[in-house]
Structures are given as C-alpha cells and as structure tokens.
Amino acid sequence: ALNSNQRSRYIDWLAEGARSSTEPGFGLLYFYGLERRALDLIRGRISNASSNELELLLEELNRLGDLFQYKLGSVSQCCQRLSDFAAVCTCAETSVLELPKAREKGYELPLVMRYGLGRLIKDGRPIPVEWALRWAYVEPTIYLRTPATRCPKEFEAAFADAYREKFGDGLIVPANKTRLKLVYQTGWPMHLEPEIKYDLSGIPDVAARDRWQAFLRSEEHTSE
C-alpha cells in the first residue's frame, strides 16, 4: 500500500500525463488499472464502452511500455504481455490477419506471431515472405550476422529473393499436433482471476517445431 506521501506523488504523476519514468512502481500501479479495464473490455463485461476504447487503451499500454523500456522492473514486460493477449483475442474475432508490428527479439517467439503463423498453417495457406522475414527477426534461436544487422534493407531484399525463388508464394507448413494455448496470467490476481484462458480452436503452435526454426536459419545464412 502507498503511504500518504507516495499517494500524493502518484496523483501528481498521473495529473502530469504519466510521462516520467523515474518511478517504476507508479508505472506498475497504473498498469494494473489499465489491465483490469482492458480485460473487462476483451471479455465483454462493459456494456456502455465506446467502440474504440480498447484501441485507445492498447495505445496507452504501448506508450507506457516504451516509457519504461530501459528501466528496471517489469512494467514494459507486463505491457507487452497484455498487448499481445489483446491482439490475439482481437484477431481471433476477425478473418483479417495482419502482420504484427516489428519488435525487439525476446526470449520466446511472440504470441502474436505464433498465432498468426498458426492460423496460416491451420488454413493450409502459404506463409508469405513478409511473415517469414518477421519470423526470422523475432525467432529466439536465430542470431543475425553482422552484414544483416548493418545493412538491413539489403538483407531483407536478399531474403525475399531467396525465399520466393525457393517457395514461390510461400512455404506451406504441415500442421503439428501441439496446439497453441492462450493463457494470460494477470498482474494483480487479487482483483482478477489468476489466469484467463481463451479458446483458439485448434491453432497449431509453431514454437513446438524445431524443424521450421532450422529452415529459417538456413534461409538467413543463404541471404547473407
């Protein structure tokens, strides 16, 4: 719990637009409020919400995550997890599949990439070159060599040429048996359920297949 001095400073921080990253604790507290509202919107628990409220909340989540990106603490990671969860839930409700935004490589393949690739695989559709390239960038087992990082445009062009020459419209990946599970662990389970699960209707999990990571590594080396 915050003491009176901390509460006063937190209110001032909010009043100033929550734009300072000097207090990661304030960022996390603010996140908990955004999280609760976003999850209620995602699960349809708010009847009078505006049509773009979730979109605005996600924009604020991304801004908050960027604000604390280089600070100690878990604010940035919490924002990214919730943003990914919301993105997948939103994608699951529409037939339109959009390429996820570029991001820094993490310790695991981003959930939005696993979902998007899984949907392509489930539908028997080829993986477009744009998706394959983004996959290569964020796949944790792939480490781009110096030429690719120094000359990204040239690398991307070479990757696209090699990929199209080998697979035409794209690689068709057979579906594997492991299914993607969408489970979100809430930041403040005291106010929410410890876990929130979402049915993805049998989407294959590409992260469970080492074969395709090895393929991307071979394409990355060919492009360089």
C-alpha atoms as a PDB file:
ATOM      1  CA  ALA A   1       0.000   0.000   0.000  1.00  0.00           C
ATOM      2  CA  LEU A   2       1.145   3.545  -0.680  1.00  0.00           C
ATOM      3  CA  ASN A   3       1.705   5.930   2.186  1.00  0.00           C
ATOM      4  CA  SER A   4       0.235   9.435   2.085  1.00  0.00           C
ATOM      5  CA  ASN A   5       3.356  10.931   0.517  1.00  0.00           C
ATOM      6  CA  GLN A   6       3.507   8.269  -2.191  1.00  0.00           C
ATOM      7  CA  ARG A   7      -0.206   8.650  -2.956  1.00  0.00           C
ATOM      8  CA  SER A   8       0.252  12.387  -3.366  1.00  0.00           C
ATOM      9  CA  ARG A   9       3.205  11.910  -5.725  1.00  0.00           C
ATOM     10  CA  TYR A  10       1.344   9.253  -7.690  1.00  0.00           C
ATOM     11  CA  ILE A  11      -1.640  11.558  -8.216  1.00  0.00           C
ATOM     12  CA  ASP A  12       0.735  14.316  -9.349  1.00  0.00           C
ATOM     13  CA  TRP A  13       2.395  11.858 -11.735  1.00  0.00           C
ATOM     14  CA  LEU A  14      -0.982  10.959 -13.245  1.00  0.00           C
ATOM     15  CA  ALA A  15      -2.026  14.620 -13.454  1.00  0.00           C
ATOM     16  CA  GLU A  16       1.137  15.360 -15.438  1.00  0.00           C
ATOM     17  CA  GLY A  17       0.213  12.710 -18.005  1.00  0.00           C
ATOM     18  CA  ALA A  18       2.210   9.779 -16.559  1.00  0.00           C
ATOM     19  CA  ARG A  19       5.215  10.827 -18.650  1.00  0.00           C
ATOM     20  CA  SER A  20       8.098  10.385 -16.219  1.00  0.00           C
ATOM     21  CA  SER A  21       9.909   7.062 -15.876  1.00  0.00           C
ATOM     22  CA  THR A  22      11.647   7.842 -12.590  1.00  0.00           C
ATOM     23  CA  GLU A  23       9.154   5.775 -10.562  1.00  0.00           C
ATOM     24  CA  PRO A  24       8.688   2.242 -11.980  1.00  0.00           C
ATOM     25  CA  GLY A  25       6.354   1.484  -9.074  1.00  0.00           C
ATOM     26  CA  PHE A  26       3.963   4.162 -10.295  1.00  0.00           C
ATOM     27  CA  GLY A  27       4.119   2.703 -13.789  1.00  0.00           C
ATOM     28  CA  LEU A  28       3.194  -0.744 -12.476  1.00  0.00           C
ATOM     29  CA  LEU A  29       0.325   0.631 -10.408  1.00  0.00           C
ATOM     30  CA  TYR A  30      -1.003   2.478 -13.450  1.00  0.00           C
ATOM     31  CA  PHE A  31      -0.663  -0.704 -15.498  1.00  0.00           C
ATOM     32  CA  TYR A  32      -2.887  -2.622 -13.072  1.00  0.00           C
ATOM     33  CA  GLY A  33      -5.725  -0.182 -13.725  1.00  0.00           C
ATOM     34  CA  LEU A  34      -5.270  -0.387 -17.496  1.00  0.00           C
ATOM     35  CA  GLU A  35      -5.093  -4.173 -17.289  1.00  0.00           C
ATOM     36  CA  ARG A  36      -8.350  -4.518 -15.399  1.00  0.00           C
ATOM     37  CA  ARG A  37     -10.239  -2.266 -17.801  1.00  0.00           C
ATOM     38  CA  ALA A  38      -8.736  -3.900 -20.905  1.00  0.00           C
ATOM     39  CA  LEU A  39      -9.559  -7.423 -19.733  1.00  0.00           C
ATOM     40  CA  ASP A  40     -13.118  -6.431 -18.907  1.00  0.00           C
ATOM     41  CA  LEU A  41     -13.464  -4.979 -22.410  1.00  0.00           C
ATOM     42  CA  ILE A  42     -11.978  -8.052 -24.063  1.00  0.00           C
ATOM     43  CA  ARG A  43     -14.404 -10.336 -22.227  1.00  0.00           C
ATOM     44  CA  GLY A  44     -17.412  -8.136 -22.957  1.00  0.00           C
ATOM     45  CA  ARG A  45     -18.081  -7.206 -19.367  1.00  0.00           C
ATOM     46  CA  ILE A  46     -18.629  -3.496 -20.046  1.00  0.00           C
ATOM     47  CA  SER A  47     -21.885  -2.738 -21.806  1.00  0.00           C
ATOM     48  CA  ASN A  48     -21.515   1.009 -22.327  1.00  0.00           C
ATOM     49  CA  ALA A  49     -17.947   1.113 -23.673  1.00  0.00           C
ATOM     50  CA  SER A  50     -17.176   3.165 -26.775  1.00  0.00           C
ATOM     51  CA  SER A  51     -16.248   1.258 -29.913  1.00  0.00           C
ATOM     52  CA  ASN A  52     -12.614   2.429 -29.843  1.00  0.00           C
ATOM     53  CA  GLU A  53     -11.932   2.275 -26.110  1.00  0.00           C
ATOM     54  CA  LEU A  54      -9.890  -0.922 -26.291  1.00  0.00           C
ATOM     55  CA  GLU A  55      -7.841   0.514 -29.155  1.00  0.00           C
ATOM     56  CA  LEU A  56      -7.094   3.635 -27.095  1.00  0.00           C
ATOM     57  CA  LEU A  57      -6.189   1.527 -24.064  1.00  0.00           C
ATOM     58  CA  LEU A  58      -3.753  -0.529 -26.112  1.00  0.00           C
ATOM     59  CA  GLU A  59      -2.141   2.638 -27.455  1.00  0.00           C
ATOM     60  CA  GLU A  60      -1.658   3.813 -23.884  1.00  0.00           C
ATOM     61  CA  LEU A  61      -0.254   0.411 -22.916  1.00  0.00           C
ATOM     62  CA  ASN A  62       2.293   0.618 -25.720  1.00  0.00           C
ATOM     63  CA  ARG A  63       3.236   4.156 -24.687  1.00  0.00           C
ATOM     64  CA  LEU A  64       3.668   3.078 -21.061  1.00  0.00           C
ATOM     65  CA  GLY A  65       5.762   0.089 -22.099  1.00  0.00           C
ATOM     66  CA  ASP A  66       8.017   2.284 -24.234  1.00  0.00           C
ATOM     67  CA  LEU A  67       8.353   4.781 -21.373  1.00  0.00           C
ATOM     68  CA  PHE A  68       9.777   2.154 -19.010  1.00  0.00           C
ATOM     69  CA  GLN A  69      11.552   0.067 -21.645  1.00  0.00           C
ATOM     70  CA  TYR A  70      15.050   0.751 -20.321  1.00  0.00           C
ATOM     71  CA  LYS A  71      14.149   0.893 -16.637  1.00  0.00           C
ATOM     72  CA  LEU A  72      14.459  -1.825 -14.017  1.00  0.00           C
ATOM     73  CA  GLY A  73      11.237  -3.579 -13.165  1.00  0.00           C
ATOM     74  CA  SER A  74       8.534  -5.392 -15.087  1.00  0.00           C
ATOM     75  CA  VAL A  75       6.391  -2.541 -16.413  1.00  0.00           C
ATOM     76  CA  SER A  76       7.482  -2.917 -20.036  1.00  0.00           C
ATOM     77  CA  GLN A  77       7.154  -6.722 -19.985  1.00  0.00           C
ATOM     78  CA  CYS A  78       3.685  -6.536 -18.410  1.00  0.00           C
ATOM     79  CA  CYS A  79       2.516  -4.073 -21.051  1.00  0.00           C
ATOM     80  CA  GLN A  80       3.834  -6.282 -23.856  1.00  0.00           C
ATOM     81  CA  ARG A  81       2.159  -9.426 -22.479  1.00  0.00           C
ATOM     82  CA  LEU A  82      -1.217  -7.733 -22.172  1.00  0.00           C
ATOM     83  CA  SER A  83      -0.870  -6.099 -25.578  1.00  0.00           C
ATOM     84  CA  ASP A  84      -0.103  -9.483 -27.159  1.00  0.00           C
ATOM     85  CA  PHE A  85      -3.024 -11.148 -25.393  1.00  0.00           C
ATOM     86  CA  ALA A  86      -5.413  -8.426 -26.532  1.00  0.00           C
ATOM     87  CA  ALA A  87      -4.072  -8.546 -30.101  1.00  0.00           C
ATOM     88  CA  VAL A  88      -4.616 -12.304 -30.362  1.00  0.00           C
ATOM     89  CA  CYS A  89      -8.098 -12.100 -28.847  1.00  0.00           C
ATOM     90  CA  THR A  90      -8.969  -9.372 -31.346  1.00  0.00           C
ATOM     91  CA  CYS A  91      -7.516 -11.310 -34.293  1.00  0.00           C
ATOM     92  CA  ALA A  92      -9.468 -14.407 -33.275  1.00  0.00           C
ATOM     93  CA  GLU A  93     -12.712 -12.472 -33.785  1.00  0.00           C
ATOM     94  CA  THR A  94     -11.953 -11.442 -37.376  1.00  0.00           C
ATOM     95  CA  SER A  95     -10.996 -13.118 -40.638  1.00  0.00           C
ATOM     96  CA  VAL A  96      -8.418 -10.416 -41.393  1.00  0.00           C
ATOM     97  CA  LEU A  97      -4.885 -11.428 -40.441  1.00  0.00           C
ATOM     98  CA  GLU A  98      -2.455  -8.530 -40.084  1.00  0.00           C
ATOM     99  CA  LEU A  99       1.311  -8.818 -39.847  1.00  0.00           C
ATOM    100  CA  PRO A 100       2.356  -7.927 -36.264  1.00  0.00           C
ATOM    101  CA  LYS A 101       4.448  -4.832 -35.740  1.00  0.00           C
ATOM    102  CA  ALA A 102       8.231  -5.176 -35.626  1.00  0.00           C
ATOM    103  CA  ARG A 103       9.742  -5.546 -32.169  1.00  0.00           C
ATOM    104  CA  GLU A 104      12.941  -6.459 -30.367  1.00  0.00           C
ATOM    105  CA  LYS A 105      13.807 -10.147 -30.136  1.00  0.00           C
ATOM    106  CA  GLY A 106      12.847 -11.699 -26.791  1.00  0.00           C
ATOM    107  CA  TYR A 107      13.408 -14.999 -25.036  1.00  0.00           C
ATOM    108  CA  GLU A 108      10.452 -16.630 -26.816  1.00  0.00           C
ATOM    109  CA  LEU A 109       8.600 -16.277 -30.105  1.00  0.00           C
ATOM    110  CA  PRO A 110       5.945 -13.566 -29.598  1.00  0.00           C
ATOM    111  CA  LEU A 111       2.443 -14.855 -29.038  1.00  0.00           C
ATOM    112  CA  VAL A 112       1.009 -12.758 -31.875  1.00  0.00           C
ATOM    113  CA  MET A 113       3.488 -14.333 -34.308  1.00  0.00           C
ATOM    114  CA  ARG A 114       2.707 -17.841 -33.060  1.00  0.00           C
ATOM    115  CA  TYR A 115      -0.999 -17.184 -33.505  1.00  0.00           C
ATOM    116  CA  GLY A 116      -0.692 -15.627 -36.964  1.00  0.00           C
ATOM    117  CA  LEU A 117       1.591 -18.353 -38.290  1.00  0.00           C
ATOM    118  CA  GLY A 118      -0.610 -20.987 -36.678  1.00  0.00           C
ATOM    119  CA  ARG A 119      -3.696 -19.639 -38.439  1.00  0.00           C
ATOM    120  CA  LEU A 120      -1.933 -19.731 -41.789  1.00  0.00           C
ATOM    121  CA  ILE A 121      -0.863 -23.305 -41.131  1.00  0.00           C
ATOM    122  CA  LYS A 122      -4.323 -24.397 -39.951  1.00  0.00           C
ATOM    123  CA  ASP A 123      -5.940 -22.911 -43.064  1.00  0.00           C
ATOM    124  CA  GLY A 124      -3.379 -24.583 -45.332  1.00  0.00           C
ATOM    125  CA  ARG A 125      -2.227 -21.210 -46.633  1.00  0.00           C
ATOM    126  CA  PRO A 126       1.380 -20.464 -47.642  1.00  0.00           C
ATOM    127  CA  ILE A 127       3.440 -18.306 -45.288  1.00  0.00           C
ATOM    128  CA  PRO A 128       4.028 -15.011 -47.154  1.00  0.00           C
ATOM    129  CA  VAL A 129       7.553 -13.690 -47.411  1.00  0.00           C
ATOM    130  CA  GLU A 130       6.711 -10.770 -45.086  1.00  0.00           C
ATOM    131  CA  TRP A 131       5.674 -13.191 -42.346  1.00  0.00           C
ATOM    132  CA  ALA A 132       8.724 -15.410 -42.906  1.00  0.00           C
ATOM    133  CA  LEU A 133      11.036 -12.397 -42.655  1.00  0.00           C
ATOM    134  CA  ARG A 134       9.375 -11.108 -39.486  1.00  0.00           C
ATOM    135  CA  TRP A 135       9.601 -14.636 -38.072  1.00  0.00           C
ATOM    136  CA  ALA A 136      13.338 -14.688 -38.767  1.00  0.00           C
ATOM    137  CA  TYR A 137      13.772 -11.359 -36.982  1.00  0.00           C
ATOM    138  CA  VAL A 138      11.991 -12.380 -33.765  1.00  0.00           C
ATOM    139  CA  GLU A 139      12.805 -16.095 -33.608  1.00  0.00           C
ATOM    140  CA  PRO A 140      14.915 -16.504 -30.409  1.00  0.00           C
ATOM    141  CA  THR A 141      17.113 -19.247 -31.897  1.00  0.00           C
ATOM    142  CA  ILE A 142      18.223 -17.078 -34.841  1.00  0.00           C
ATOM    143  CA  TYR A 143      21.061 -14.604 -34.437  1.00  0.00           C
ATOM    144  CA  LEU A 144      21.561 -12.415 -37.464  1.00  0.00           C
ATOM    145  CA  ARG A 145      25.150 -11.946 -38.560  1.00  0.00           C
ATOM    146  CA  THR A 146      26.852  -8.585 -38.860  1.00  0.00           C
ATOM    147  CA  PRO A 147      26.047  -7.983 -42.583  1.00  0.00           C
ATOM    148  CA  ALA A 148      22.314  -8.401 -41.886  1.00  0.00           C
ATOM    149  CA  THR A 149      22.314  -6.000 -38.942  1.00  0.00           C
ATOM    150  CA  ARG A 150      24.487  -3.394 -40.678  1.00  0.00           C
ATOM    151  CA  CYS A 151      22.590  -3.492 -43.979  1.00  0.00           C
ATOM    152  CA  PRO A 152      19.007  -4.476 -43.107  1.00  0.00           C
ATOM    153  CA  LYS A 153      17.438  -3.315 -46.389  1.00  0.00           C
ATOM    154  CA  GLU A 154      19.896  -5.334 -48.463  1.00  0.00           C
ATOM    155  CA  PHE A 155      19.417  -8.349 -46.191  1.00  0.00           C
ATOM    156  CA  GLU A 156      15.634  -8.156 -46.455  1.00  0.00           C
ATOM    157  CA  ALA A 157      15.783  -7.904 -50.233  1.00  0.00           C
ATOM    158  CA  ALA A 158      18.146 -10.885 -50.460  1.00  0.00           C
ATOM    159  CA  PHE A 159      15.985 -12.901 -48.044  1.00  0.00           C
ATOM    160  CA  ALA A 160      12.855 -12.147 -50.068  1.00  0.00           C
ATOM    161  CA  ASP A 161      14.543 -13.149 -53.343  1.00  0.00           C
ATOM    162  CA  ALA A 162      15.847 -16.422 -51.889  1.00  0.00           C
ATOM    163  CA  TYR A 163      12.502 -17.224 -50.287  1.00  0.00           C
ATOM    164  CA  ARG A 164      10.425 -16.537 -53.398  1.00  0.00           C
ATOM    165  CA  GLU A 165      12.845 -18.462 -55.610  1.00  0.00           C
ATOM    166  CA  LYS A 166      12.545 -21.494 -53.356  1.00  0.00           C
ATOM    167  CA  PHE A 167       8.862 -21.355 -52.354  1.00  0.00           C
ATOM    168  CA  GLY A 168       7.060 -19.070 -54.796  1.00  0.00           C
ATOM    169  CA  ASP A 169       4.037 -17.632 -52.989  1.00  0.00           C
ATOM    170  CA  GLY A 170       5.259 -19.080 -49.719  1.00  0.00           C
ATOM    171  CA  LEU A 171       6.096 -22.181 -47.745  1.00  0.00           C
ATOM    172  CA  ILE A 172       3.140 -24.422 -46.835  1.00  0.00           C
ATOM    173  CA  VAL A 173       3.827 -25.891 -43.401  1.00  0.00           C
ATOM    174  CA  PRO A 174       2.094 -29.131 -42.315  1.00  0.00           C
ATOM    175  CA  ALA A 175       0.156 -28.708 -39.094  1.00  0.00           C
ATOM    176  CA  ASN A 176       1.755 -30.211 -35.998  1.00  0.00           C
ATOM    177  CA  LYS A 177      -0.178 -31.824 -33.156  1.00  0.00           C
ATOM    178  CA  THR A 178       0.814 -29.363 -30.437  1.00  0.00           C
ATOM    179  CA  ARG A 179      -1.871 -26.704 -30.089  1.00  0.00           C
ATOM    180  CA  LEU A 180      -1.334 -23.097 -29.110  1.00  0.00           C
ATOM    181  CA  LYS A 181      -2.730 -22.281 -25.680  1.00  0.00           C
ATOM    182  CA  LEU A 182      -3.675 -18.717 -24.881  1.00  0.00           C
ATOM    183  CA  VAL A 183      -3.349 -18.259 -21.131  1.00  0.00           C
ATOM    184  CA  TYR A 184      -2.878 -14.818 -19.600  1.00  0.00           C
ATOM    185  CA  GLN A 185      -1.562 -14.523 -16.057  1.00  0.00           C
ATOM    186  CA  THR A 186      -2.876 -11.324 -14.541  1.00  0.00           C
ATOM    187  CA  GLY A 187      -0.551  -8.819 -12.928  1.00  0.00           C
ATOM    188  CA  TRP A 188      -2.826  -8.325  -9.924  1.00  0.00           C
ATOM    189  CA  PRO A 189      -4.705 -11.620  -9.310  1.00  0.00           C
ATOM    190  CA  MET A 190      -6.146 -10.120  -6.121  1.00  0.00           C
ATOM    191  CA  HIS A 191      -8.525  -8.084  -8.287  1.00  0.00           C
ATOM    192  CA  LEU A 192      -8.808 -10.549 -11.190  1.00  0.00           C
ATOM    193  CA  GLU A 193      -8.606 -14.275 -11.786  1.00  0.00           C
ATOM    194  CA  PRO A 194      -5.028 -15.638 -11.549  1.00  0.00           C
ATOM    195  CA  GLU A 195      -5.349 -16.938 -15.121  1.00  0.00           C
ATOM    196  CA  ILE A 196      -7.549 -16.023 -18.061  1.00  0.00           C
ATOM    197  CA  LYS A 197      -7.867 -18.585 -20.840  1.00  0.00           C
ATOM    198  CA  TYR A 198      -9.062 -18.056 -24.398  1.00  0.00           C
ATOM    199  CA  ASP A 199     -10.118 -20.775 -26.826  1.00  0.00           C
ATOM    200  CA  LEU A 200      -8.115 -20.651 -30.057  1.00  0.00           C
ATOM    201  CA  SER A 201      -9.963 -23.501 -31.815  1.00  0.00           C
ATOM    202  CA  GLY A 202      -7.035 -25.819 -32.501  1.00  0.00           C
ATOM    203  CA  ILE A 203      -4.397 -23.391 -33.795  1.00  0.00           C
ATOM    204  CA  PRO A 204      -1.034 -25.245 -34.220  1.00  0.00           C
ATOM    205  CA  ASP A 205       1.895 -23.916 -32.176  1.00  0.00           C
ATOM    206  CA  VAL A 206       4.882 -23.348 -34.473  1.00  0.00           C
ATOM    207  CA  ALA A 207       7.150 -22.805 -31.452  1.00  0.00           C
ATOM    208  CA  ALA A 208       6.871 -26.532 -30.745  1.00  0.00           C
ATOM    209  CA  ARG A 209       8.561 -27.498 -34.028  1.00  0.00           C
ATOM    210  CA  ASP A 210      12.356 -27.171 -34.231  1.00  0.00           C
ATOM    211  CA  ARG A 211      12.286 -28.090 -37.910  1.00  0.00           C
ATOM    212  CA  TRP A 212      10.933 -24.716 -39.035  1.00  0.00           C
ATOM    213  CA  GLN A 213      13.379 -22.736 -36.921  1.00  0.00           C
ATOM    214  CA  ALA A 214      16.172 -24.686 -38.608  1.00  0.00           C
ATOM    215  CA  PHE A 215      14.683 -23.836 -42.007  1.00  0.00           C
ATOM    216  CA  LEU A 216      14.675 -20.117 -41.190  1.00  0.00           C
ATOM    217  CA  ARG A 217      18.268 -20.312 -40.037  1.00  0.00           C
ATOM    218  CA  SER A 218      19.228 -21.833 -43.385  1.00  0.00           C
ATOM    219  CA  GLU A 219      17.378 -19.079 -45.264  1.00  0.00           C
ATOM    220  CA  GLU A 220      19.041 -16.418 -43.146  1.00  0.00           C
ATOM    221  CA  HIS A 221      22.505 -17.804 -43.939  1.00  0.00           C
ATOM    222  CA  THR A 222      21.636 -18.091 -47.641  1.00  0.00           C
ATOM    223  CA  SER A 223      20.555 -14.439 -47.725  1.00  0.00           C
ATOM    224  CA  GLU A 224      23.795 -13.291 -46.170  1.00  0.00           C
END
